[in-house]
C-alpha atoms as a PDB file:
ATOM      1  CA  MET A   1     -23.215 -29.103  27.465  1.00  0.00           C
ATOM      2  CA  LEU A   2     -24.257 -29.929  23.914  1.00  0.00           C
ATOM      3  CA  ASN A   3     -27.218 -28.884  21.841  1.00  0.00           C
ATOM      4  CA  LYS A   4     -28.172 -28.467  18.182  1.00  0.00           C
ATOM      5  CA  LYS A   5     -26.466 -30.156  15.247  1.00  0.00           C
ATOM      6  CA  VAL A   6     -24.668 -28.075  12.651  1.00  0.00           C
ATOM      7  CA  SER A   7     -23.317 -29.153   9.279  1.00  0.00           C
ATOM      8  CA  ILE A   8     -19.602 -28.637   8.739  1.00  0.00           C
ATOM      9  CA  LYS A   9     -17.918 -29.095   5.377  1.00  0.00           C
ATOM     10  CA  ARG A  10     -14.677 -31.002   5.688  1.00  0.00           C
ATOM     11  CA  GLY A  11     -12.075 -32.439   3.324  1.00  0.00           C
ATOM     12  CA  VAL A  12     -11.071 -31.797  -0.258  1.00  0.00           C
ATOM     13  CA  GLY A  13     -14.180 -33.460  -1.596  1.00  0.00           C
ATOM     14  CA  GLY A  14     -16.430 -31.234   0.502  1.00  0.00           C
ATOM     15  CA  SER A  15     -17.898 -34.124   2.498  1.00  0.00           C
ATOM     16  CA  VAL A  16     -20.334 -33.089   5.211  1.00  0.00           C
ATOM     17  CA  VAL A  17     -20.277 -34.443   8.758  1.00  0.00           C
ATOM     18  CA  ASN A  18     -22.777 -33.720  11.509  1.00  0.00           C
ATOM     19  CA  ARG A  19     -21.303 -32.221  14.637  1.00  0.00           C
ATOM     20  CA  PHE A  20     -22.688 -30.822  17.870  1.00  0.00           C
ATOM     21  CA  LYS A  21     -22.254 -27.149  18.598  1.00  0.00           C
ATOM     22  CA  PRO A  22     -20.896 -26.581  22.151  1.00  0.00           C
ATOM     23  CA  VAL A  23     -22.675 -23.997  24.281  1.00  0.00           C
ATOM     24  CA  VAL A  24     -20.560 -21.363  26.029  1.00  0.00           C
ATOM     25  CA  SER A  25     -21.939 -20.277  29.421  1.00  0.00           C
ATOM     26  CA  THR A  26     -21.234 -17.556  31.974  1.00  0.00           C
ATOM     27  CA  ARG A  27     -21.334 -17.898  35.739  1.00  0.00           C
ATOM     28  CA  GLU A  28     -24.536 -15.813  35.804  1.00  0.00           C
ATOM     29  CA  SER A  29     -26.382 -18.569  33.945  1.00  0.00           C
ATOM     30  CA  PHE A  30     -25.637 -21.212  36.596  1.00  0.00           C
ATOM     31  CA  THR A  31     -28.510 -21.867  39.002  1.00  0.00           C
ATOM     32  CA  TYR A  32     -27.850 -23.867  42.155  1.00  0.00           C
ATOM     33  CA  ASP A  33     -29.378 -23.801  45.611  1.00  0.00           C
ATOM     34  CA  LYS A  34     -27.152 -21.912  48.055  1.00  0.00           C
ATOM     35  CA  SER A  35     -27.221 -24.878  50.439  1.00  0.00           C
ATOM     36  CA  LEU A  36     -25.069 -26.777  47.917  1.00  0.00           C
ATOM     37  CA  PHE A  37     -22.156 -24.623  49.041  1.00  0.00           C
ATOM     38  CA  THR A  38     -22.627 -25.228  52.755  1.00  0.00           C
ATOM     39  CA  PRO A  39     -19.873 -27.513  54.124  1.00  0.00           C
ATOM     40  CA  MET A  40     -20.450 -30.744  56.026  1.00  0.00           C
ATOM     41  CA  PRO A  41     -17.963 -30.429  58.902  1.00  0.00           C
ATOM     42  CA  THR A  42     -17.006 -33.226  61.258  1.00  0.00           C
ATOM     43  CA  GLY A  43     -15.623 -30.884  63.907  1.00  0.00           C
ATOM     44  CA  LYS A  44     -12.166 -32.447  63.496  1.00  0.00           C
ATOM     45  CA  LYS A  45      -8.875 -31.056  62.164  1.00  0.00           C
ATOM     46  CA  ILE A  46      -9.364 -32.841  58.830  1.00  0.00           C
ATOM     47  CA  ASP A  47     -12.135 -30.344  57.963  1.00  0.00           C
ATOM     48  CA  SER A  48      -9.626 -27.612  57.096  1.00  0.00           C
ATOM     49  CA  LEU A  49      -8.010 -29.842  54.460  1.00  0.00           C
ATOM     50  CA  PHE A  50     -11.270 -30.604  52.656  1.00  0.00           C
ATOM     51  CA  SER A  51     -12.202 -26.992  51.897  1.00  0.00           C
ATOM     52  CA  SER A  52     -11.597 -23.362  52.734  1.00  0.00           C
ATOM     53  CA  GLU A  53     -15.113 -23.345  54.227  1.00  0.00           C
ATOM     54  CA  GLY A  54     -14.075 -26.025  56.718  1.00  0.00           C
ATOM     55  CA  GLY A  55     -15.543 -29.406  55.839  1.00  0.00           C
ATOM     56  CA  LEU A  56     -16.438 -31.795  53.060  1.00  0.00           C
ATOM     57  CA  MET A  57     -18.447 -29.986  50.367  1.00  0.00           C
ATOM     58  CA  LYS A  58     -21.578 -31.389  48.737  1.00  0.00           C
ATOM     59  CA  GLY A  59     -21.418 -32.883  45.250  1.00  0.00           C
ATOM     60  CA  THR A  60     -17.657 -33.398  45.342  1.00  0.00           C
ATOM     61  CA  ASN A  61     -15.376 -36.360  44.580  1.00  0.00           C
ATOM     62  CA  TYR A  62     -12.144 -37.052  46.414  1.00  0.00           C
ATOM     63  CA  ALA A  63      -9.641 -39.818  45.727  1.00  0.00           C
ATOM     64  CA  PHE A  64      -7.459 -41.183  48.517  1.00  0.00           C
ATOM     65  CA  VAL A  65      -4.251 -43.018  47.676  1.00  0.00           C
ATOM     66  CA  GLY A  66      -1.386 -44.075  49.880  1.00  0.00           C
ATOM     67  CA  ASP A  67       1.142 -46.477  51.258  1.00  0.00           C
ATOM     68  CA  PRO A  68       0.061 -50.053  52.098  1.00  0.00           C
ATOM     69  CA  GLY A  69      -0.973 -50.328  55.735  1.00  0.00           C
ATOM     70  CA  VAL A  70      -1.057 -46.587  56.342  1.00  0.00           C
ATOM     71  CA  GLY A  71      -4.728 -46.749  57.338  1.00  0.00           C
ATOM     72  CA  LYS A  72      -6.702 -45.505  54.341  1.00  0.00           C
ATOM     73  CA  THR A  73      -9.837 -47.528  55.094  1.00  0.00           C
ATOM     74  CA  THR A  74      -9.693 -46.804  58.828  1.00  0.00           C
ATOM     75  CA  VAL A  75      -9.302 -43.062  58.350  1.00  0.00           C
ATOM     76  CA  MET A  76     -12.053 -42.873  55.738  1.00  0.00           C
ATOM     77  CA  LEU A  77     -14.455 -44.907  57.882  1.00  0.00           C
ATOM     78  CA  ASP A  78     -13.664 -42.616  60.812  1.00  0.00           C
ATOM     79  CA  ILE A  79     -14.594 -39.576  58.711  1.00  0.00           C
ATOM     80  CA  LEU A  80     -17.744 -41.340  57.467  1.00  0.00           C
ATOM     81  CA  ALA A  81     -18.808 -42.221  61.019  1.00  0.00           C
ATOM     82  CA  ASP A  82     -18.251 -38.604  62.080  1.00  0.00           C
ATOM     83  CA  GLN A  83     -20.440 -37.469  59.175  1.00  0.00           C
ATOM     84  CA  GLN A  84     -23.140 -39.863  60.337  1.00  0.00           C
ATOM     85  CA  ALA A  85     -22.863 -38.531  63.898  1.00  0.00           C
ATOM     86  CA  LYS A  86     -23.582 -35.054  62.507  1.00  0.00           C
ATOM     87  CA  GLY A  87     -26.885 -36.303  61.085  1.00  0.00           C
ATOM     88  CA  ASN A  88     -25.800 -36.920  57.488  1.00  0.00           C
ATOM     89  CA  GLU A  89     -26.916 -39.945  55.467  1.00  0.00           C
ATOM     90  CA  VAL A  90     -23.848 -42.076  54.757  1.00  0.00           C
ATOM     91  CA  LEU A  91     -22.976 -45.343  53.030  1.00  0.00           C
ATOM     92  CA  PHE A  92     -19.881 -47.528  52.854  1.00  0.00           C
ATOM     93  CA  ILE A  93     -19.512 -49.539  49.634  1.00  0.00           C
ATOM     94  CA  SER A  94     -16.940 -52.249  50.244  1.00  0.00           C
ATOM     95  CA  GLY A  95     -15.380 -54.009  47.302  1.00  0.00           C
ATOM     96  CA  GLU A  96     -12.761 -55.725  49.444  1.00  0.00           C
ATOM     97  CA  MET A  97     -13.955 -56.425  52.996  1.00  0.00           C
ATOM     98  CA  ASN A  98     -16.472 -59.013  54.125  1.00  0.00           C
ATOM     99  CA  ARG A  99     -18.566 -59.197  57.273  1.00  0.00           C
ATOM    100  CA  ILE A 100     -15.854 -60.932  59.306  1.00  0.00           C
ATOM    101  CA  ASP A 101     -13.381 -58.193  58.415  1.00  0.00           C
ATOM    102  CA  MET A 102     -15.903 -55.578  59.475  1.00  0.00           C
ATOM    103  CA  VAL A 103     -16.456 -57.217  62.852  1.00  0.00           C
ATOM    104  CA  GLY A 104     -12.721 -56.867  63.468  1.00  0.00           C
ATOM    105  CA  TYR A 105     -12.878 -53.187  62.603  1.00  0.00           C
ATOM    106  CA  VAL A 106     -15.835 -52.554  64.891  1.00  0.00           C
ATOM    107  CA  LYS A 107     -14.048 -54.199  67.823  1.00  0.00           C
ATOM    108  CA  ARG A 108     -11.265 -51.632  67.504  1.00  0.00           C
ATOM    109  CA  TYR A 109     -13.484 -48.718  66.511  1.00  0.00           C
ATOM    110  CA  PRO A 110     -17.011 -49.085  67.943  1.00  0.00           C
ATOM    111  CA  LYS A 111     -18.102 -45.856  66.214  1.00  0.00           C
ATOM    112  CA  PHE A 112     -18.153 -47.804  62.907  1.00  0.00           C
ATOM    113  CA  ASN A 113     -20.878 -50.089  64.243  1.00  0.00           C
ATOM    114  CA  HIS A 114     -23.809 -48.090  62.861  1.00  0.00           C
ATOM    115  CA  VAL A 115     -22.389 -47.208  59.431  1.00  0.00           C
ATOM    116  CA  PRO A 116     -24.569 -48.771  56.669  1.00  0.00           C
ATOM    117  CA  ILE A 117     -22.502 -51.076  54.451  1.00  0.00           C
ATOM    118  CA  LEU A 118     -22.971 -52.598  51.020  1.00  0.00           C
ATOM    119  CA  PHE A 119     -20.730 -55.641  50.590  1.00  0.00           C
ATOM    120  CA  MET A 120     -20.227 -55.967  46.838  1.00  0.00           C
ATOM    121  CA  GLY A 121     -19.098 -59.557  47.367  1.00  0.00           C
ATOM    122  CA  ASP A 122     -22.665 -60.448  48.350  1.00  0.00           C
ATOM    123  CA  TYR A 123     -23.749 -59.718  44.778  1.00  0.00           C
ATOM    124  CA  ILE A 124     -20.970 -61.367  42.809  1.00  0.00           C
ATOM    125  CA  GLU A 125     -23.489 -63.015  40.449  1.00  0.00           C
ATOM    126  CA  ASN A 126     -25.322 -59.749  39.786  1.00  0.00           C
ATOM    127  CA  ASP A 127     -24.572 -56.845  37.476  1.00  0.00           C
ATOM    128  CA  PRO A 128     -22.468 -54.506  39.672  1.00  0.00           C
ATOM    129  CA  LEU A 129     -23.739 -51.435  37.808  1.00  0.00           C
ATOM    130  CA  VAL A 130     -27.334 -52.375  38.628  1.00  0.00           C
ATOM    131  CA  VAL A 131     -26.321 -52.986  42.254  1.00  0.00           C
ATOM    132  CA  LEU A 132     -24.725 -49.538  42.469  1.00  0.00           C
ATOM    133  CA  GLN A 133     -27.685 -47.827  40.847  1.00  0.00           C
ATOM    134  CA  ALA A 134     -30.114 -49.586  43.186  1.00  0.00           C
ATOM    135  CA  VAL A 135     -28.289 -48.844  46.429  1.00  0.00           C
ATOM    136  CA  LEU A 136     -27.536 -45.213  45.534  1.00  0.00           C
ATOM    137  CA  SER A 137     -31.085 -44.482  44.345  1.00  0.00           C
ATOM    138  CA  LYS A 138     -32.136 -43.505  47.881  1.00  0.00           C
ATOM    139  CA  GLY A 139     -29.674 -40.616  47.997  1.00  0.00           C
ATOM    140  CA  TYR A 140     -26.816 -40.091  50.464  1.00  0.00           C
ATOM    141  CA  ASN A 141     -24.864 -37.086  51.640  1.00  0.00           C
ATOM    142  CA  CYS A 142     -21.571 -38.957  51.696  1.00  0.00           C
ATOM    143  CA  VAL A 143     -20.494 -42.315  50.258  1.00  0.00           C
ATOM    144  CA  LEU A 144     -17.167 -44.098  50.772  1.00  0.00           C
ATOM    145  CA  VAL A 145     -16.042 -46.588  48.103  1.00  0.00           C
ATOM    146  CA  ASP A 146     -13.215 -49.018  48.952  1.00  0.00           C
ATOM    147  CA  SER A 147     -11.812 -49.465  46.511  1.00  0.00           C
ATOM    148  CA  PHE A 148     -12.863 -47.864  43.237  1.00  0.00           C
ATOM    149  CA  ALA A 149     -10.539 -50.236  41.363  1.00  0.00           C
ATOM    150  CA  GLU A 150     -12.172 -53.332  42.874  1.00  0.00           C
ATOM    151  CA  VAL A 151     -15.621 -52.141  41.819  1.00  0.00           C
ATOM    152  CA  ALA A 152     -14.279 -51.453  38.307  1.00  0.00           C
ATOM    153  CA  VAL A 153     -12.814 -54.969  38.157  1.00  0.00           C
ATOM    154  CA  ALA A 154     -16.241 -56.362  39.070  1.00  0.00           C
ATOM    155  CA  VAL A 155     -17.746 -54.419  36.149  1.00  0.00           C
ATOM    156  CA  VAL A 156     -15.124 -55.809  33.758  1.00  0.00           C
ATOM    157  CA  ASP A 157     -15.704 -59.353  35.044  1.00  0.00           C
ATOM    158  CA  TYR A 158     -19.449 -59.051  34.416  1.00  0.00           C
ATOM    159  CA  HIS A 159     -19.567 -56.978  31.213  1.00  0.00           C
ATOM    160  CA  GLY A 160     -16.141 -57.556  29.680  1.00  0.00           C
ATOM    161  CA  GLY A 161     -14.277 -54.693  28.043  1.00  0.00           C
ATOM    162  CA  THR A 162     -11.499 -52.553  29.474  1.00  0.00           C
ATOM    163  CA  MET A 163     -10.905 -50.981  32.863  1.00  0.00           C
ATOM    164  CA  LYS A 164     -11.197 -47.570  31.223  1.00  0.00           C
ATOM    165  CA  ASN A 165     -14.699 -48.378  29.960  1.00  0.00           C
ATOM    166  CA  ALA A 166     -15.665 -49.782  33.348  1.00  0.00           C
ATOM    167  CA  GLU A 167     -14.447 -46.629  35.089  1.00  0.00           C
ATOM    168  CA  THR A 168     -16.488 -44.488  32.704  1.00  0.00           C
ATOM    169  CA  LYS A 169     -19.678 -46.441  33.455  1.00  0.00           C
ATOM    170  CA  ILE A 170     -19.154 -46.087  37.208  1.00  0.00           C
ATOM    171  CA  LEU A 171     -18.263 -42.404  36.955  1.00  0.00           C
ATOM    172  CA  ASN A 172     -21.446 -41.761  34.974  1.00  0.00           C
ATOM    173  CA  ILE A 173     -23.438 -43.150  37.912  1.00  0.00           C
ATOM    174  CA  LEU A 174     -21.500 -41.101  40.468  1.00  0.00           C
ATOM    175  CA  GLU A 175     -21.943 -37.933  38.440  1.00  0.00           C
ATOM    176  CA  GLN A 176     -25.720 -38.378  38.419  1.00  0.00           C
ATOM    177  CA  HIS A 177     -25.686 -38.431  42.224  1.00  0.00           C
ATOM    178  CA  ASN A 178     -23.285 -35.473  42.430  1.00  0.00           C
ATOM    179  CA  GLN A 179     -26.066 -33.610  40.607  1.00  0.00           C
ATOM    180  CA  GLY A 180     -28.706 -34.764  43.110  1.00  0.00           C
ATOM    181  CA  ASN A 181     -30.516 -37.199  40.824  1.00  0.00           C
ATOM    182  CA  ASN A 182     -31.778 -39.491  43.586  1.00  0.00           C
ATOM    183  CA  GLN A 183     -34.871 -39.862  45.779  1.00  0.00           C
ATOM    184  CA  ASN A 184     -33.596 -37.542  48.533  1.00  0.00           C
ATOM    185  CA  LYS A 185     -32.283 -34.987  46.020  1.00  0.00           C
ATOM    186  CA  PHE A 186     -28.931 -35.071  47.836  1.00  0.00           C
ATOM    187  CA  ASN A 187     -25.831 -33.834  46.023  1.00  0.00           C
ATOM    188  CA  THR A 188     -23.772 -36.827  47.032  1.00  0.00           C
ATOM    189  CA  SER A 189     -20.085 -36.494  47.876  1.00  0.00           C
ATOM    190  CA  PHE A 190     -17.925 -39.522  47.143  1.00  0.00           C
ATOM    191  CA  MET A 191     -14.706 -40.492  48.910  1.00  0.00           C
ATOM    192  CA  LEU A 192     -12.932 -42.995  46.675  1.00  0.00           C
ATOM    193  CA  ILE A 193     -10.049 -45.110  47.900  1.00  0.00           C
ATOM    194  CA  GLN A 194      -7.939 -45.835  44.843  1.00  0.00           C
ATOM    195  CA  GLN A 195      -4.946 -48.007  44.097  1.00  0.00           C
ATOM    196  CA  VAL A 196      -1.582 -46.799  42.854  1.00  0.00           C
ATOM    197  CA  THR A 197       0.867 -48.373  40.418  1.00  0.00           C
ATOM    198  CA  LYS A 198       4.078 -50.076  41.568  1.00  0.00           C
ATOM    199  CA  GLY A 199       5.825 -46.791  40.927  1.00  0.00           C
ATOM    200  CA  GLY A 200       3.441 -45.030  43.301  1.00  0.00           C
ATOM    201  CA  GLU A 201       1.508 -43.242  40.548  1.00  0.00           C
ATOM    202  CA  PHE A 202      -2.259 -42.749  40.586  1.00  0.00           C
ATOM    203  CA  ALA A 203      -4.009 -45.604  38.778  1.00  0.00           C
ATOM    204  CA  GLY A 204      -6.949 -44.256  36.815  1.00  0.00           C
ATOM    205  CA  SER A 205      -8.131 -42.864  33.504  1.00  0.00           C
ATOM    206  CA  ASN A 206      -7.967 -39.219  32.484  1.00  0.00           C
ATOM    207  CA  ARG A 207     -11.756 -39.014  32.923  1.00  0.00           C
ATOM    208  CA  PHE A 208     -11.320 -40.180  36.511  1.00  0.00           C
ATOM    209  CA  LYS A 209      -8.597 -37.593  37.189  1.00  0.00           C
ATOM    210  CA  HIS A 210     -10.593 -34.749  35.648  1.00  0.00           C
ATOM    211  CA  MET A 211     -13.742 -35.609  37.589  1.00  0.00           C
ATOM    212  CA  LEU A 212     -11.944 -35.405  40.931  1.00  0.00           C
ATOM    213  CA  THR A 213     -12.421 -32.371  43.148  1.00  0.00           C
ATOM    214  CA  GLY A 214      -9.285 -33.302  45.009  1.00  0.00           C
ATOM    215  CA  MET A 215      -6.667 -35.972  45.565  1.00  0.00           C
ATOM    216  CA  ALA A 216      -5.339 -36.891  48.993  1.00  0.00           C
ATOM    217  CA  HIS A 217      -2.186 -38.858  49.764  1.00  0.00           C
ATOM    218  CA  MET A 218      -1.621 -40.873  52.921  1.00  0.00           C
ATOM    219  CA  LYS A 219       1.961 -41.786  53.665  1.00  0.00           C
ATOM    220  CA  PHE A 220       4.495 -42.786  56.291  1.00  0.00           C
ATOM    221  CA  ASN A 221       7.364 -40.398  56.858  1.00  0.00           C
ATOM    222  CA  ALA A 222      10.951 -41.525  57.498  1.00  0.00           C
ATOM    223  CA  ASP A 223      10.177 -42.046  61.202  1.00  0.00           C
ATOM    224  CA  GLY A 224       7.085 -44.142  60.538  1.00  0.00           C
ATOM    225  CA  ASP A 225       4.632 -41.389  61.422  1.00  0.00           C
ATOM    226  CA  ARG A 226       1.409 -41.198  59.400  1.00  0.00           C
ATOM    227  CA  LYS A 227       0.284 -38.106  57.492  1.00  0.00           C
ATOM    228  CA  ILE A 228      -2.329 -37.033  54.982  1.00  0.00           C
ATOM    229  CA  TYR A 229      -2.108 -34.159  52.513  1.00  0.00           C
ATOM    230  CA  PHE A 230      -3.798 -32.981  49.338  1.00  0.00           C
ATOM    231  CA  SER A 231      -1.901 -32.493  46.079  1.00  0.00           C
ATOM    232  CA  LYS A 232      -5.029 -31.113  44.375  1.00  0.00           C
ATOM    233  CA  ASN A 233      -8.125 -29.479  45.811  1.00  0.00           C
ATOM    234  CA  ARG A 234     -10.534 -27.329  43.830  1.00  0.00           C
ATOM    235  CA  ARG A 235     -12.290 -26.309  47.066  1.00  0.00           C
ATOM    236  CA  GLY A 236      -9.230 -24.568  48.467  1.00  0.00           C
ATOM    237  CA  GLY A 237      -8.485 -26.497  51.642  1.00  0.00           C
ATOM    238  CA  GLU A 238      -5.197 -26.167  53.500  1.00  0.00           C
ATOM    239  CA  MET A 239      -2.274 -27.569  51.534  1.00  0.00           C
ATOM    240  CA  ASN A 240      -0.482 -28.730  54.675  1.00  0.00           C
ATOM    241  CA  ALA A 241       0.288 -32.216  55.916  1.00  0.00           C
ATOM    242  CA  LEU A 242      -1.898 -33.380  58.794  1.00  0.00           C
ATOM    243  CA  TYR A 243      -0.385 -36.082  60.993  1.00  0.00           C
ATOM    244  CA  PHE A 244      -2.613 -38.705  62.562  1.00  0.00           C
ATOM    245  CA  SER A 245      -2.444 -41.709  64.857  1.00  0.00           C
ATOM    246  CA  LEU A 246      -4.264 -45.040  64.881  1.00  0.00           C
ATOM    247  CA  ASN A 247      -3.216 -45.857  68.442  1.00  0.00           C
ATOM    248  CA  SER A 248      -6.550 -44.922  69.981  1.00  0.00           C
ATOM    249  CA  ALA A 249      -9.033 -47.752  70.464  1.00  0.00           C
ATOM    250  CA  LYS A 250     -12.001 -45.540  69.655  1.00  0.00           C
ATOM    251  CA  HIS A 251     -11.149 -43.098  66.865  1.00  0.00           C
ATOM    252  CA  VAL A 252      -8.447 -41.716  64.613  1.00  0.00           C
ATOM    253  CA  GLY A 253      -6.276 -39.251  66.468  1.00  0.00           C
ATOM    254  CA  TRP A 254      -5.718 -36.041  64.483  1.00  0.00           C
ATOM    255  CA  LEU A 255      -2.454 -34.590  65.742  1.00  0.00           C
ATOM    256  CA  PHE A 256      -0.846 -31.526  64.126  1.00  0.00           C
ATOM    257  CA  THR A 257      -0.149 -29.937  60.767  1.00  0.00           C
ATOM    258  CA  GLU A 258       3.086 -28.767  59.216  1.00  0.00           C
ATOM    259  CA  PRO A 259       3.931 -27.131  55.886  1.00  0.00           C
ATOM    260  CA  LEU A 260       3.878 -29.640  53.065  1.00  0.00           C
ATOM    261  CA  ASN A 261       7.441 -28.881  51.942  1.00  0.00           C
ATOM    262  CA  MET A 262       8.635 -29.956  55.393  1.00  0.00           C
ATOM    263  CA  ALA A 263       6.471 -33.075  55.605  1.00  0.00           C
ATOM    264  CA  ILE A 264       7.342 -34.768  52.315  1.00  0.00           C
END
């Protein structure tokens, strides 16, 4: 938080530059509605990984990275559909899939049928930042973005500049909705599927990393089994690996957990 300007003398010649004086706060000065700290559980085993309260927390941002084909989109859509079934307002922003792809998903997982979707490809001639601002203005409890990198590329294609600058512009929009600056006054939680480098490292700016509440990894183990675990979580969820299956025709099957040092 920044407020008044102060003059600071700097350099041998005594030149003066204008700087902002940072404000130091205490916890007692923070004012938030208590409902902000009420979890949004799905009733599934994944809830214990999101937070110590048992469920996705409001106004949070989680990145999901993982192996190709491990099921990132499927798992995230399953969680989103479960959130919707609990009465929460949800939205899927797709930077990669089109309507034909979605029909294929719904055939395998009918529960995805009623999830509202924004296909970014439908607005390829429009400013993607304006599209995001317009669709998010209503206010949602939970929004899934697949993938964050694809949306950032669309911003670069339209505005030029670097990926870092594009990420910053998108993150500024997300942060406004974390704070509840929308018509419904919802503190939106974002689940962001993100790409990794060839070396398996997280692909994103420092601003992106610092803004994340948590980072989840989805991987195959040596036997080909699928698991998800968090390497970072400011909301204190279980730091175990949760195994899951995509064999069911109707939903993701959450199986069992094991200590992370055994699962990796």
